[in-house]
Amino acid sequence: MHKDIEKILYSEKDIENIVNTIAKQIEKDYNDKDFIMVGLLKGSVAFMVDLMRKVNLDFSIDFIVASSYGSGTVSSGRVNIQKDISQSVEGKDILIVEDIIDSGNTLDFITKYLKAKKAKSVKLCTLFNKPDRRVADIHVDYAGAVIPDEFIVGYGLDYNEKYRNLPYVGVLKPSVYS
């Protein structure tokens, strides 16, 4: 375990089981649909790569870079798109893939943004759902696990661009970010 981690919440095996369960749900719901899996960079990369390998359907992928955090641990409430998707979403079903949803501000903004671009539908998929921090009124369609209000890192999740490479998800020691 990394020296900055207080405890491990989800092991590699736990995460693999969550990804498999979500992939099966997506296969059932998106069978015969023309959809785009859109990852929110950078945090979604590990989850999205594993998820797309398990979803046995035809689909395309794209990415958006948007943030409401900067280098902090609390959402600023202001969303900034730094990289837009590169293909048209008009008439397509969109599955947004995110590592964690807490305040919901970014996902609320992105959902409305893609609907304004005439997406047929927009659904949200997250590895971790943190409803205790929810500010925006959003519906999470696929959630791997509901987590407590703790600051977690690993498996793509970061603090100040570090810890993304950890193969598990753990609680970051408060002394690191306080």
C-alpha atoms as a PDB file:
ATOM      1  CA  MET A   1       0.000   0.000   0.000  1.00  0.00           C
ATOM      2  CA  HIS A   2       1.259   3.494  -0.854  1.00  0.00           C
ATOM      3  CA  LYS A   3       2.495   5.550   2.118  1.00  0.00           C
ATOM      4  CA  ASP A   4      -0.109   8.312   1.477  1.00  0.00           C
ATOM      5  CA  ILE A   5      -3.062   5.916   1.569  1.00  0.00           C
ATOM      6  CA  GLU A   6      -5.013   5.584   4.805  1.00  0.00           C
ATOM      7  CA  LYS A   7      -6.901   2.431   3.756  1.00  0.00           C
ATOM      8  CA  ILE A   8      -7.882   0.515   0.630  1.00  0.00           C
ATOM      9  CA  LEU A   9     -11.589   0.705  -0.196  1.00  0.00           C
ATOM     10  CA  TYR A  10     -11.633  -1.358  -3.414  1.00  0.00           C
ATOM     11  CA  SER A  11      -9.048  -3.927  -4.457  1.00  0.00           C
ATOM     12  CA  GLU A  12      -8.155  -4.735  -8.061  1.00  0.00           C
ATOM     13  CA  LYS A  13     -10.510  -7.734  -7.899  1.00  0.00           C
ATOM     14  CA  ASP A  14     -13.348  -5.601  -6.472  1.00  0.00           C
ATOM     15  CA  ILE A  15     -12.927  -3.135  -9.340  1.00  0.00           C
ATOM     16  CA  GLU A  16     -12.847  -5.924 -11.929  1.00  0.00           C
ATOM     17  CA  ASN A  17     -16.149  -7.295 -10.560  1.00  0.00           C
ATOM     18  CA  ILE A  18     -17.757  -3.829 -10.676  1.00  0.00           C
ATOM     19  CA  VAL A  19     -16.618  -3.278 -14.279  1.00  0.00           C
ATOM     20  CA  ASN A  20     -17.981  -6.682 -15.355  1.00  0.00           C
ATOM     21  CA  THR A  21     -21.371  -5.961 -13.767  1.00  0.00           C
ATOM     22  CA  ILE A  22     -21.684  -2.541 -15.416  1.00  0.00           C
ATOM     23  CA  ALA A  23     -20.573  -3.946 -18.806  1.00  0.00           C
ATOM     24  CA  LYS A  24     -23.349  -6.547 -18.717  1.00  0.00           C
ATOM     25  CA  GLN A  25     -25.941  -3.847 -17.961  1.00  0.00           C
ATOM     26  CA  ILE A  26     -24.668  -1.688 -20.824  1.00  0.00           C
ATOM     27  CA  GLU A  27     -24.767  -4.634 -23.251  1.00  0.00           C
ATOM     28  CA  LYS A  28     -28.398  -5.260 -22.330  1.00  0.00           C
ATOM     29  CA  ASP A  29     -29.453  -1.595 -22.572  1.00  0.00           C
ATOM     30  CA  TYR A  30     -27.446  -0.614 -25.667  1.00  0.00           C
ATOM     31  CA  ASN A  31     -27.945  -3.711 -27.810  1.00  0.00           C
ATOM     32  CA  ASP A  32     -28.767  -2.569 -31.385  1.00  0.00           C
ATOM     33  CA  LYS A  33     -28.110   1.113 -30.566  1.00  0.00           C
ATOM     34  CA  ASP A  34     -25.706   3.421 -32.350  1.00  0.00           C
ATOM     35  CA  PHE A  35     -23.882   4.842 -29.372  1.00  0.00           C
ATOM     36  CA  ILE A  36     -20.754   6.728 -28.438  1.00  0.00           C
ATOM     37  CA  MET A  37     -18.928   6.056 -25.195  1.00  0.00           C
ATOM     38  CA  VAL A  38     -17.567   9.446 -24.108  1.00  0.00           C
ATOM     39  CA  GLY A  39     -14.910   9.512 -21.413  1.00  0.00           C
ATOM     40  CA  LEU A  40     -14.220  12.508 -19.220  1.00  0.00           C
ATOM     41  CA  LEU A  41     -10.474  12.897 -19.136  1.00  0.00           C
ATOM     42  CA  LYS A  42      -8.309  12.287 -17.306  1.00  0.00           C
ATOM     43  CA  GLY A  43      -9.860  10.342 -14.461  1.00  0.00           C
ATOM     44  CA  SER A  44     -12.074   8.042 -16.527  1.00  0.00           C
ATOM     45  CA  VAL A  45      -9.235   6.504 -18.562  1.00  0.00           C
ATOM     46  CA  ALA A  46      -8.540   3.396 -16.452  1.00  0.00           C
ATOM     47  CA  PHE A  47     -12.226   2.653 -15.950  1.00  0.00           C
ATOM     48  CA  MET A  48     -13.205   3.352 -19.561  1.00  0.00           C
ATOM     49  CA  VAL A  49     -10.423   1.185 -21.015  1.00  0.00           C
ATOM     50  CA  ASP A  50     -11.455  -1.765 -18.853  1.00  0.00           C
ATOM     51  CA  LEU A  51     -15.161  -1.144 -19.461  1.00  0.00           C
ATOM     52  CA  MET A  52     -14.924  -0.911 -23.246  1.00  0.00           C
ATOM     53  CA  ARG A  53     -12.957  -4.171 -23.351  1.00  0.00           C
ATOM     54  CA  LYS A  54     -15.821  -5.914 -21.548  1.00  0.00           C
ATOM     55  CA  VAL A  55     -18.735  -4.431 -23.535  1.00  0.00           C
ATOM     56  CA  ASN A  56     -19.332  -6.838 -26.420  1.00  0.00           C
ATOM     57  CA  LEU A  57     -21.115  -4.395 -28.754  1.00  0.00           C
ATOM     58  CA  ASP A  58     -20.189  -2.096 -31.620  1.00  0.00           C
ATOM     59  CA  PHE A  59     -19.707   1.504 -30.536  1.00  0.00           C
ATOM     60  CA  SER A  60     -17.340   4.402 -31.013  1.00  0.00           C
ATOM     61  CA  ILE A  61     -15.436   6.318 -28.369  1.00  0.00           C
ATOM     62  CA  ASP A  62     -14.550   9.936 -27.807  1.00  0.00           C
ATOM     63  CA  PHE A  63     -13.321  12.149 -24.997  1.00  0.00           C
ATOM     64  CA  ILE A  64     -14.056  15.464 -23.330  1.00  0.00           C
ATOM     65  CA  VAL A  65     -11.786  17.334 -20.975  1.00  0.00           C
ATOM     66  CA  ALA A  66     -13.850  19.341 -18.512  1.00  0.00           C
ATOM     67  CA  SER A  67     -13.235  20.297 -14.939  1.00  0.00           C
ATOM     68  CA  SER A  68     -14.684  22.165 -12.013  1.00  0.00           C
ATOM     69  CA  TYR A  69     -11.815  21.359  -9.631  1.00  0.00           C
ATOM     70  CA  GLY A  70      -8.426  22.605 -10.774  1.00  0.00           C
ATOM     71  CA  SER A  71      -5.974  21.390  -8.116  1.00  0.00           C
ATOM     72  CA  GLY A  72      -8.460  21.509  -5.224  1.00  0.00           C
ATOM     73  CA  THR A  73     -10.521  18.849  -3.496  1.00  0.00           C
ATOM     74  CA  VAL A  74     -13.868  20.683  -3.702  1.00  0.00           C
ATOM     75  CA  SER A  75     -15.744  21.626  -6.878  1.00  0.00           C
ATOM     76  CA  SER A  76     -15.608  25.310  -7.787  1.00  0.00           C
ATOM     77  CA  GLY A  77     -19.075  25.003  -9.343  1.00  0.00           C
ATOM     78  CA  ARG A  78     -17.781  26.536 -12.588  1.00  0.00           C
ATOM     79  CA  VAL A  79     -17.239  24.050 -15.440  1.00  0.00           C
ATOM     80  CA  ASN A  80     -14.595  24.649 -18.080  1.00  0.00           C
ATOM     81  CA  ILE A  81     -14.354  22.550 -21.278  1.00  0.00           C
ATOM     82  CA  GLN A  82     -10.727  22.306 -22.334  1.00  0.00           C
ATOM     83  CA  LYS A  83     -11.192  19.680 -25.089  1.00  0.00           C
ATOM     84  CA  ASP A  84     -14.431  19.003 -26.912  1.00  0.00           C
ATOM     85  CA  ILE A  85     -15.524  15.742 -28.504  1.00  0.00           C
ATOM     86  CA  SER A  86     -14.310  15.295 -32.080  1.00  0.00           C
ATOM     87  CA  GLN A  87     -17.410  13.752 -33.697  1.00  0.00           C
ATOM     88  CA  SER A  88     -21.016  14.758 -34.114  1.00  0.00           C
ATOM     89  CA  VAL A  89     -23.405  13.492 -31.452  1.00  0.00           C
ATOM     90  CA  GLU A  90     -26.530  14.461 -33.386  1.00  0.00           C
ATOM     91  CA  GLY A  91     -29.015  11.586 -33.340  1.00  0.00           C
ATOM     92  CA  LYS A  92     -26.660   9.363 -31.312  1.00  0.00           C
ATOM     93  CA  ASP A  93     -27.083   7.739 -27.941  1.00  0.00           C
ATOM     94  CA  ILE A  94     -24.305   8.964 -25.650  1.00  0.00           C
ATOM     95  CA  LEU A  95     -22.897   7.136 -22.662  1.00  0.00           C
ATOM     96  CA  ILE A  96     -20.728   9.437 -20.568  1.00  0.00           C
ATOM     97  CA  VAL A  97     -18.114   7.513 -18.596  1.00  0.00           C
ATOM     98  CA  GLU A  98     -16.734   9.112 -15.443  1.00  0.00           C
ATOM     99  CA  ASP A  99     -14.541   7.863 -12.612  1.00  0.00           C
ATOM    100  CA  ILE A 100     -16.487   9.514  -9.778  1.00  0.00           C
ATOM    101  CA  ILE A 101     -19.551  11.699  -9.467  1.00  0.00           C
ATOM    102  CA  ASP A 102     -19.798  13.821  -6.370  1.00  0.00           C
ATOM    103  CA  SER A 103     -21.183  17.373  -6.723  1.00  0.00           C
ATOM    104  CA  GLY A 104     -22.561  16.490 -10.168  1.00  0.00           C
ATOM    105  CA  ASN A 105     -21.835  19.982 -11.505  1.00  0.00           C
ATOM    106  CA  THR A 106     -19.561  18.823 -14.315  1.00  0.00           C
ATOM    107  CA  LEU A 107     -21.881  15.996 -15.406  1.00  0.00           C
ATOM    108  CA  ASP A 108     -24.932  18.246 -15.284  1.00  0.00           C
ATOM    109  CA  PHE A 109     -23.157  20.745 -17.517  1.00  0.00           C
ATOM    110  CA  ILE A 110     -21.855  18.096 -19.962  1.00  0.00           C
ATOM    111  CA  THR A 111     -25.252  16.370 -20.183  1.00  0.00           C
ATOM    112  CA  LYS A 112     -26.988  19.632 -21.086  1.00  0.00           C
ATOM    113  CA  TYR A 113     -24.159  20.509 -23.468  1.00  0.00           C
ATOM    114  CA  LEU A 114     -24.497  17.223 -25.400  1.00  0.00           C
ATOM    115  CA  LYS A 115     -28.305  17.450 -25.466  1.00  0.00           C
ATOM    116  CA  ALA A 116     -27.943  20.952 -26.952  1.00  0.00           C
ATOM    117  CA  LYS A 117     -25.814  19.331 -29.681  1.00  0.00           C
ATOM    118  CA  LYS A 118     -28.891  17.173 -30.445  1.00  0.00           C
ATOM    119  CA  ALA A 119     -27.787  13.879 -28.938  1.00  0.00           C
ATOM    120  CA  LYS A 120     -30.633  11.356 -29.047  1.00  0.00           C
ATOM    121  CA  SER A 121     -30.027  10.409 -25.414  1.00  0.00           C
ATOM    122  CA  VAL A 122     -27.380  10.992 -22.757  1.00  0.00           C
ATOM    123  CA  LYS A 123     -26.794   8.551 -19.919  1.00  0.00           C
ATOM    124  CA  LEU A 124     -24.248   8.655 -17.100  1.00  0.00           C
ATOM    125  CA  CYS A 125     -21.962   5.817 -16.095  1.00  0.00           C
ATOM    126  CA  THR A 126     -19.608   6.124 -13.139  1.00  0.00           C
ATOM    127  CA  LEU A 127     -17.368   3.794 -11.273  1.00  0.00           C
ATOM    128  CA  PHE A 128     -18.065   5.579  -7.992  1.00  0.00           C
ATOM    129  CA  ASN A 129     -21.075   7.598  -6.906  1.00  0.00           C
ATOM    130  CA  LYS A 130     -20.754   9.973  -3.948  1.00  0.00           C
ATOM    131  CA  PRO A 131     -24.342  11.217  -3.403  1.00  0.00           C
ATOM    132  CA  ASP A 132     -23.548  12.853  -0.041  1.00  0.00           C
ATOM    133  CA  ARG A 133     -21.728  15.590  -1.974  1.00  0.00           C
ATOM    134  CA  ARG A 134     -24.382  16.011  -4.688  1.00  0.00           C
ATOM    135  CA  VAL A 135     -25.335  19.587  -5.553  1.00  0.00           C
ATOM    136  CA  ALA A 136     -26.706  19.196  -9.102  1.00  0.00           C
ATOM    137  CA  ASP A 137     -29.924  17.307  -9.781  1.00  0.00           C
ATOM    138  CA  ILE A 138     -28.614  14.535 -12.024  1.00  0.00           C
ATOM    139  CA  HIS A 139     -29.604  10.939 -12.618  1.00  0.00           C
ATOM    140  CA  VAL A 140     -26.804   8.363 -12.577  1.00  0.00           C
ATOM    141  CA  ASP A 141     -27.783   5.482 -14.865  1.00  0.00           C
ATOM    142  CA  TYR A 142     -24.895   3.114 -14.089  1.00  0.00           C
ATOM    143  CA  ALA A 143     -22.994   3.302 -10.816  1.00  0.00           C
ATOM    144  CA  GLY A 144     -20.424   0.772  -9.725  1.00  0.00           C
ATOM    145  CA  ALA A 145     -20.489   1.596  -6.032  1.00  0.00           C
ATOM    146  CA  VAL A 146     -21.791   4.246  -3.677  1.00  0.00           C
ATOM    147  CA  ILE A 147     -18.942   5.558  -1.586  1.00  0.00           C
ATOM    148  CA  PRO A 148     -18.710   7.569   1.614  1.00  0.00           C
ATOM    149  CA  ASP A 149     -17.660  11.219   1.669  1.00  0.00           C
ATOM    150  CA  GLU A 150     -13.932  10.516   1.777  1.00  0.00           C
ATOM    151  CA  PHE A 151     -11.222  11.683  -0.614  1.00  0.00           C
ATOM    152  CA  ILE A 152     -10.259   8.668  -2.724  1.00  0.00           C
ATOM    153  CA  VAL A 153      -7.457   8.109  -5.222  1.00  0.00           C
ATOM    154  CA  GLY A 154      -6.177   5.325  -7.449  1.00  0.00           C
ATOM    155  CA  TYR A 155      -7.383   3.563 -10.610  1.00  0.00           C
ATOM    156  CA  GLY A 156      -7.487   6.890 -12.476  1.00  0.00           C
ATOM    157  CA  LEU A 157      -8.610   9.042  -9.558  1.00  0.00           C
ATOM    158  CA  ASP A 158      -6.084  11.654  -8.528  1.00  0.00           C
ATOM    159  CA  TYR A 159      -5.086  14.361  -6.173  1.00  0.00           C
ATOM    160  CA  ASN A 160      -3.072  17.087  -7.885  1.00  0.00           C
ATOM    161  CA  GLU A 161      -2.378  14.697 -10.824  1.00  0.00           C
ATOM    162  CA  LYS A 162      -0.849  12.011  -8.585  1.00  0.00           C
ATOM    163  CA  TYR A 163      -1.935   8.505  -7.539  1.00  0.00           C
ATOM    164  CA  ARG A 164      -3.819   7.692 -10.797  1.00  0.00           C
ATOM    165  CA  ASN A 165      -1.555   4.683 -11.351  1.00  0.00           C
ATOM    166  CA  LEU A 166      -2.495   2.837  -8.159  1.00  0.00           C
ATOM    167  CA  PRO A 167      -4.202  -0.457  -9.118  1.00  0.00           C
ATOM    168  CA  TYR A 168      -6.678  -0.147  -6.235  1.00  0.00           C
ATOM    169  CA  VAL A 169      -8.820   2.680  -4.820  1.00  0.00           C
ATOM    170  CA  GLY A 170      -7.889   3.988  -1.417  1.00  0.00           C
ATOM    171  CA  VAL A 171      -8.625   6.840   0.948  1.00  0.00           C
ATOM    172  CA  LEU A 172      -5.971   9.553   0.791  1.00  0.00           C
ATOM    173  CA  LYS A 173      -4.575  10.593   4.152  1.00  0.00           C
ATOM    174  CA  PRO A 174      -5.946  14.057   5.045  1.00  0.00           C
ATOM    175  CA  SER A 175      -2.427  15.211   5.921  1.00  0.00           C
ATOM    176  CA  VAL A 176      -1.576  15.035   2.199  1.00  0.00           C
ATOM    177  CA  TYR A 177      -4.181  17.605   1.100  1.00  0.00           C
ATOM    178  CA  SER A 178      -4.807  19.652   4.254  1.00  0.00           C
END
